[in-house]
N, C-alpha and C. Protein backbone atom coordinates (compact mmCIF):
# COMPACT_ATOMS: atom_id res chain seq x y z
N UNK A 1 1.49 5.26 4.45
CA UNK A 1 0.91 5.46 3.15
C UNK A 1 -0.08 4.37 2.80
N UNK A 2 0.06 3.21 3.43
CA UNK A 2 -0.90 2.13 3.18
C UNK A 2 -2.30 2.65 3.46
N UNK A 3 -2.50 3.22 4.62
CA UNK A 3 -3.82 3.73 4.99
C UNK A 3 -4.18 4.98 4.18
N UNK A 4 -3.21 5.82 3.93
CA UNK A 4 -3.48 7.06 3.19
C UNK A 4 -4.01 6.77 1.79
N UNK A 5 -3.53 5.72 1.17
CA UNK A 5 -4.02 5.32 -0.14
C UNK A 5 -5.35 4.58 -0.04
N UNK A 6 -5.50 3.80 1.00
CA UNK A 6 -6.72 3.00 1.18
C UNK A 6 -7.93 3.83 1.56
N UNK A 7 -7.74 4.85 2.39
CA UNK A 7 -8.88 5.65 2.85
C UNK A 7 -9.69 6.25 1.70
N UNK A 8 -9.09 7.03 0.80
CA UNK A 8 -9.92 7.63 -0.25
C UNK A 8 -10.42 6.61 -1.27
N UNK A 9 -9.63 5.60 -1.55
CA UNK A 9 -10.06 4.59 -2.51
C UNK A 9 -11.25 3.81 -1.95
N UNK A 10 -11.20 3.51 -0.67
CA UNK A 10 -12.29 2.79 -0.03
C UNK A 10 -13.56 3.62 0.09
N UNK A 11 -13.42 4.92 -0.09
CA UNK A 11 -14.59 5.80 0.00
C UNK A 11 -15.29 6.05 -1.32
N UNK A 12 -14.82 5.42 -2.39
CA UNK A 12 -15.50 5.60 -3.67
C UNK A 12 -16.94 5.09 -3.55
N UNK A 13 -17.92 5.92 -3.91
CA UNK A 13 -19.31 5.56 -3.68
C UNK A 13 -19.82 4.38 -4.50
N UNK A 14 -19.23 4.14 -5.65
CA UNK A 14 -19.75 3.08 -6.52
C UNK A 14 -18.95 1.78 -6.46
N UNK A 15 -18.00 1.70 -5.53
CA UNK A 15 -17.17 0.50 -5.40
C UNK A 15 -17.19 0.04 -3.94
N UNK A 16 -17.63 -1.17 -3.69
CA UNK A 16 -17.61 -1.67 -2.31
C UNK A 16 -16.24 -2.26 -1.96
N UNK A 17 -15.25 -1.39 -1.75
CA UNK A 17 -13.88 -1.82 -1.50
C UNK A 17 -13.62 -1.92 0.00
N UNK A 18 -13.13 -3.05 0.44
CA UNK A 18 -12.87 -3.31 1.85
C UNK A 18 -11.53 -2.70 2.25
N UNK A 19 -11.54 -1.91 3.31
CA UNK A 19 -10.34 -1.19 3.76
C UNK A 19 -9.18 -2.15 4.05
N UNK A 20 -9.44 -3.21 4.75
CA UNK A 20 -8.38 -4.16 5.10
C UNK A 20 -7.77 -4.83 3.88
N UNK A 21 -8.60 -5.15 2.92
CA UNK A 21 -8.09 -5.78 1.69
C UNK A 21 -7.27 -4.78 0.89
N UNK A 22 -7.72 -3.54 0.83
CA UNK A 22 -6.93 -2.50 0.18
C UNK A 22 -5.57 -2.36 0.86
N UNK A 23 -5.56 -2.36 2.19
CA UNK A 23 -4.30 -2.27 2.93
C UNK A 23 -3.36 -3.41 2.55
N UNK A 24 -3.91 -4.61 2.45
CA UNK A 24 -3.09 -5.78 2.11
C UNK A 24 -2.49 -5.65 0.72
N UNK A 25 -3.25 -5.12 -0.22
CA UNK A 25 -2.76 -4.94 -1.59
C UNK A 25 -1.66 -3.88 -1.61
N UNK A 26 -1.84 -2.79 -0.88
CA UNK A 26 -0.87 -1.70 -0.89
C UNK A 26 0.40 -1.99 -0.10
N UNK A 27 0.33 -2.82 0.93
CA UNK A 27 1.46 -3.02 1.83
C UNK A 27 2.76 -3.37 1.12
N UNK A 28 2.81 -4.36 0.24
CA UNK A 28 4.09 -4.67 -0.41
C UNK A 28 4.65 -3.50 -1.22
N UNK A 29 3.77 -2.76 -1.88
CA UNK A 29 4.21 -1.63 -2.70
C UNK A 29 4.79 -0.50 -1.85
N UNK A 30 4.12 -0.22 -0.74
CA UNK A 30 4.59 0.84 0.16
C UNK A 30 5.89 0.42 0.83
N UNK A 31 6.01 -0.84 1.20
CA UNK A 31 7.27 -1.32 1.78
C UNK A 31 8.42 -1.14 0.81
N UNK A 32 8.21 -1.47 -0.44
CA UNK A 32 9.27 -1.29 -1.45
C UNK A 32 9.63 0.21 -1.59
N UNK A 33 8.61 1.05 -1.62
CA UNK A 33 8.84 2.49 -1.74
C UNK A 33 9.64 3.01 -0.55
N UNK A 34 9.28 2.60 0.65
CA UNK A 34 9.92 3.09 1.87
C UNK A 34 11.29 2.48 2.11
N UNK A 35 11.61 1.37 1.47
CA UNK A 35 12.87 0.67 1.72
C UNK A 35 14.09 1.56 1.48
N UNK A 36 13.95 2.54 0.59
CA UNK A 36 15.07 3.43 0.28
C UNK A 36 15.50 4.29 1.46
N UNK A 37 14.60 4.56 2.37
CA UNK A 37 14.92 5.42 3.51
C UNK A 37 14.66 4.73 4.84
N UNK A 38 14.46 3.43 4.82
CA UNK A 38 14.10 2.71 6.03
C UNK A 38 15.14 2.94 7.13
N UNK A 39 14.66 3.23 8.30
CA UNK A 39 15.52 3.50 9.45
C UNK A 39 15.66 2.26 10.34
N UNK A 40 15.40 1.10 9.82
CA UNK A 40 15.50 -0.12 10.61
C UNK A 40 14.16 -0.73 10.95
N UNK A 41 13.07 -0.02 10.65
CA UNK A 41 11.75 -0.55 10.99
C UNK A 41 11.45 -1.85 10.25
N UNK A 42 11.88 -1.94 9.00
CA UNK A 42 11.60 -3.17 8.25
C UNK A 42 12.37 -4.35 8.84
N UNK A 43 13.58 -4.10 9.30
CA UNK A 43 14.34 -5.19 9.94
C UNK A 43 13.70 -5.59 11.27
N UNK A 44 13.17 -4.62 11.99
CA UNK A 44 12.47 -4.95 13.25
C UNK A 44 11.20 -5.73 12.97
N UNK A 45 10.49 -5.36 11.89
CA UNK A 45 9.31 -6.14 11.50
C UNK A 45 9.71 -7.56 11.14
N UNK A 46 10.78 -7.69 10.38
CA UNK A 46 11.25 -9.02 9.97
C UNK A 46 11.65 -9.84 11.19
N UNK A 47 12.33 -9.22 12.12
CA UNK A 47 12.75 -9.92 13.33
C UNK A 47 11.52 -10.43 14.10
N UNK A 48 10.49 -9.62 14.19
CA UNK A 48 9.27 -10.03 14.89
C UNK A 48 8.59 -11.20 14.19
N UNK A 49 8.86 -11.34 12.88
CA UNK A 49 8.27 -12.42 12.10
C UNK A 49 9.24 -13.59 11.91
N UNK A 50 10.36 -13.57 12.66
CA UNK A 50 11.40 -14.61 12.57
C UNK A 50 12.00 -14.72 11.18
N UNK A 51 12.18 -13.58 10.53
CA UNK A 51 12.84 -13.52 9.23
C UNK A 51 14.22 -12.90 9.44
N UNK A 52 15.14 -13.21 8.56
CA UNK A 52 16.51 -12.73 8.74
C UNK A 52 16.70 -11.27 8.34
N UNK A 53 15.92 -10.77 7.41
CA UNK A 53 16.09 -9.40 6.93
C UNK A 53 14.76 -8.80 6.50
N UNK A 54 14.70 -7.49 6.57
CA UNK A 54 13.49 -6.80 6.14
C UNK A 54 13.42 -6.63 4.63
N UNK A 55 14.52 -6.92 3.94
CA UNK A 55 14.55 -6.75 2.50
C UNK A 55 13.49 -7.58 1.78
N UNK A 56 13.13 -8.71 2.36
CA UNK A 56 12.19 -9.62 1.71
C UNK A 56 10.74 -9.42 2.15
N UNK A 57 10.49 -8.45 2.99
CA UNK A 57 9.12 -8.25 3.50
C UNK A 57 8.08 -8.07 2.40
N UNK A 58 8.34 -7.28 1.35
CA UNK A 58 7.30 -7.15 0.32
C UNK A 58 6.89 -8.50 -0.27
N UNK A 59 7.86 -9.34 -0.56
CA UNK A 59 7.56 -10.65 -1.13
C UNK A 59 6.86 -11.55 -0.11
N UNK A 60 7.24 -11.44 1.14
CA UNK A 60 6.59 -12.23 2.20
C UNK A 60 5.11 -11.87 2.29
N UNK A 61 4.81 -10.58 2.26
CA UNK A 61 3.41 -10.15 2.35
C UNK A 61 2.64 -10.48 1.07
N UNK A 62 3.29 -10.40 -0.08
CA UNK A 62 2.62 -10.83 -1.31
C UNK A 62 2.27 -12.31 -1.25
N UNK A 63 3.18 -13.11 -0.76
CA UNK A 63 2.92 -14.55 -0.63
C UNK A 63 1.81 -14.82 0.38
N UNK A 64 1.84 -14.12 1.51
CA UNK A 64 0.79 -14.28 2.52
C UNK A 64 -0.56 -13.92 1.93
N UNK A 65 -0.65 -12.80 1.23
CA UNK A 65 -1.91 -12.39 0.60
C UNK A 65 -2.41 -13.48 -0.34
N UNK A 66 -1.51 -14.01 -1.16
CA UNK A 66 -1.88 -15.08 -2.10
C UNK A 66 -2.34 -16.33 -1.35
N UNK A 67 -1.60 -16.70 -0.31
CA UNK A 67 -1.92 -17.93 0.45
C UNK A 67 -3.28 -17.85 1.13
N UNK A 68 -3.70 -16.66 1.54
CA UNK A 68 -5.00 -16.56 2.22
C UNK A 68 -6.11 -16.11 1.26
N UNK A 69 -5.77 -16.02 -0.02
CA UNK A 69 -6.79 -15.78 -1.03
C UNK A 69 -7.16 -14.33 -1.26
N UNK A 70 -6.29 -13.40 -0.87
CA UNK A 70 -6.57 -11.99 -1.12
C UNK A 70 -6.11 -11.61 -2.53
N UNK A 71 -6.72 -10.59 -3.10
CA UNK A 71 -6.28 -10.16 -4.44
C UNK A 71 -4.87 -9.59 -4.38
N UNK A 72 -4.17 -9.72 -5.49
CA UNK A 72 -2.82 -9.18 -5.59
C UNK A 72 -2.81 -7.77 -6.16
N UNK A 73 -3.87 -7.41 -6.87
CA UNK A 73 -3.90 -6.15 -7.59
C UNK A 73 -5.26 -5.46 -7.37
N UNK A 74 -5.25 -4.16 -7.46
CA UNK A 74 -6.49 -3.40 -7.34
C UNK A 74 -7.48 -3.76 -8.44
N UNK A 75 -6.97 -4.04 -9.63
CA UNK A 75 -7.85 -4.39 -10.75
C UNK A 75 -8.67 -5.64 -10.46
N UNK A 76 -8.13 -6.53 -9.64
CA UNK A 76 -8.87 -7.73 -9.26
C UNK A 76 -10.06 -7.39 -8.36
N UNK A 77 -10.06 -6.18 -7.81
CA UNK A 77 -11.14 -5.71 -6.95
C UNK A 77 -12.10 -4.82 -7.73
N UNK A 78 -11.88 -4.69 -9.03
CA UNK A 78 -12.75 -3.88 -9.86
C UNK A 78 -12.32 -2.43 -10.01
N UNK A 79 -11.16 -2.09 -9.50
CA UNK A 79 -10.65 -0.72 -9.61
C UNK A 79 -10.12 -0.51 -11.03
N UNK A 80 -10.44 0.64 -11.60
CA UNK A 80 -9.97 1.00 -12.94
C UNK A 80 -9.11 2.26 -12.86
N UNK A 81 -8.43 2.55 -13.94
CA UNK A 81 -7.63 3.77 -14.01
C UNK A 81 -8.48 5.01 -13.75
N UNK A 82 -9.70 5.02 -14.25
CA UNK A 82 -10.60 6.16 -14.03
C UNK A 82 -10.89 6.40 -12.56
N UNK A 83 -10.89 5.33 -11.76
CA UNK A 83 -11.17 5.46 -10.33
C UNK A 83 -10.06 6.19 -9.58
N UNK A 84 -8.87 6.26 -10.17
CA UNK A 84 -7.70 6.77 -9.47
C UNK A 84 -7.51 8.29 -9.58
N UNK A 85 -8.33 8.96 -10.36
CA UNK A 85 -8.05 10.37 -10.69
C UNK A 85 -7.88 11.28 -9.48
N UNK A 86 -8.72 11.23 -8.51
CA UNK A 86 -8.59 12.14 -7.36
C UNK A 86 -7.89 11.54 -6.16
N UNK A 87 -7.47 10.31 -6.28
CA UNK A 87 -6.92 9.60 -5.12
C UNK A 87 -5.57 10.15 -4.66
N UNK A 88 -4.61 10.48 -5.56
CA UNK A 88 -3.33 10.99 -5.06
C UNK A 88 -3.47 12.24 -4.19
N UNK A 89 -4.27 13.20 -4.60
CA UNK A 89 -4.45 14.42 -3.81
C UNK A 89 -5.11 14.10 -2.47
N UNK A 90 -6.11 13.22 -2.50
CA UNK A 90 -6.78 12.83 -1.25
C UNK A 90 -5.82 12.09 -0.33
N UNK A 91 -4.96 11.25 -0.89
CA UNK A 91 -3.99 10.52 -0.07
C UNK A 91 -3.00 11.48 0.58
N UNK A 92 -2.59 12.49 -0.16
CA UNK A 92 -1.66 13.48 0.41
C UNK A 92 -2.30 14.25 1.55
N UNK A 93 -3.61 14.46 1.49
CA UNK A 93 -4.32 15.20 2.54
C UNK A 93 -4.72 14.32 3.71
N UNK A 94 -4.55 13.01 3.58
CA UNK A 94 -4.97 12.08 4.63
C UNK A 94 -4.14 12.27 5.90
N UNK A 95 -4.78 12.08 7.04
CA UNK A 95 -4.12 12.27 8.32
C UNK A 95 -2.99 11.28 8.58
N UNK A 96 -2.95 10.16 7.87
CA UNK A 96 -1.90 9.16 8.07
C UNK A 96 -0.61 9.47 7.30
N UNK A 97 -0.68 10.32 6.31
CA UNK A 97 0.46 10.57 5.44
C UNK A 97 1.71 11.06 6.17
N UNK A 98 1.60 11.98 7.12
CA UNK A 98 2.82 12.46 7.78
C UNK A 98 3.62 11.37 8.52
N UNK A 99 2.99 10.26 8.84
CA UNK A 99 3.70 9.22 9.58
C UNK A 99 4.47 8.25 8.66
N UNK A 100 4.37 8.44 7.34
CA UNK A 100 5.11 7.55 6.44
C UNK A 100 6.60 7.77 6.60
N UNK A 101 7.38 6.71 6.46
CA UNK A 101 8.83 6.80 6.61
C UNK A 101 9.49 7.71 5.58
N UNK A 102 8.96 7.71 4.39
CA UNK A 102 9.55 8.48 3.29
C UNK A 102 8.60 9.59 2.89
N UNK A 103 9.13 10.77 2.66
CA UNK A 103 8.29 11.88 2.23
C UNK A 103 7.64 11.54 0.90
N UNK A 104 6.37 11.92 0.77
CA UNK A 104 5.58 11.58 -0.40
C UNK A 104 5.21 12.82 -1.20
N UNK A 105 4.97 12.60 -2.49
CA UNK A 105 4.41 13.62 -3.36
C UNK A 105 3.18 13.01 -4.02
N UNK A 106 2.39 13.85 -4.67
CA UNK A 106 1.24 13.31 -5.41
C UNK A 106 1.72 12.37 -6.51
N UNK A 107 2.83 12.68 -7.14
CA UNK A 107 3.36 11.79 -8.17
C UNK A 107 3.75 10.44 -7.59
N UNK A 108 4.32 10.43 -6.38
CA UNK A 108 4.65 9.16 -5.72
C UNK A 108 3.38 8.35 -5.48
N UNK A 109 2.34 9.02 -5.01
CA UNK A 109 1.05 8.34 -4.77
C UNK A 109 0.50 7.77 -6.08
N UNK A 110 0.56 8.56 -7.12
CA UNK A 110 0.06 8.12 -8.43
C UNK A 110 0.84 6.88 -8.90
N UNK A 111 2.15 6.91 -8.73
CA UNK A 111 2.98 5.77 -9.13
C UNK A 111 2.63 4.52 -8.32
N UNK A 112 2.46 4.67 -7.01
CA UNK A 112 2.07 3.52 -6.19
C UNK A 112 0.72 2.96 -6.61
N UNK A 113 -0.22 3.84 -6.87
CA UNK A 113 -1.55 3.40 -7.31
C UNK A 113 -1.47 2.65 -8.64
N UNK A 114 -0.73 3.20 -9.58
CA UNK A 114 -0.60 2.56 -10.88
C UNK A 114 0.12 1.22 -10.77
N UNK A 115 1.12 1.15 -9.91
CA UNK A 115 1.84 -0.10 -9.70
C UNK A 115 0.94 -1.16 -9.08
N UNK A 116 0.07 -0.74 -8.17
CA UNK A 116 -0.84 -1.68 -7.51
C UNK A 116 -2.04 -2.06 -8.37
N UNK A 117 -2.30 -1.26 -9.41
CA UNK A 117 -3.47 -1.52 -10.26
C UNK A 117 -3.31 -2.83 -11.01
């Protein structure tokens, strides 16, 4: 879902939004969303990062983003509520969506976008 949300938002014609930075902003939010159905992937990610548990991954990535000077919120990148209107439907149609750990709805996408704003 990180990429599924980033692809359409990064394609807004009047906003020069960097795909990688969008991914970094969305990652903690998507990890929290997926944690409810995680099949062990978060723990494997944590193990690869020498962390004891995957439960803290969202906070670890938020701290990493802050430490390297990336924005914490979409609003810091100039994104407004008006920019989000067509993004949930586009994210659901994105080719990356089926690979998300947790099944998504447009409402889930809208909630993630609003949380990241």
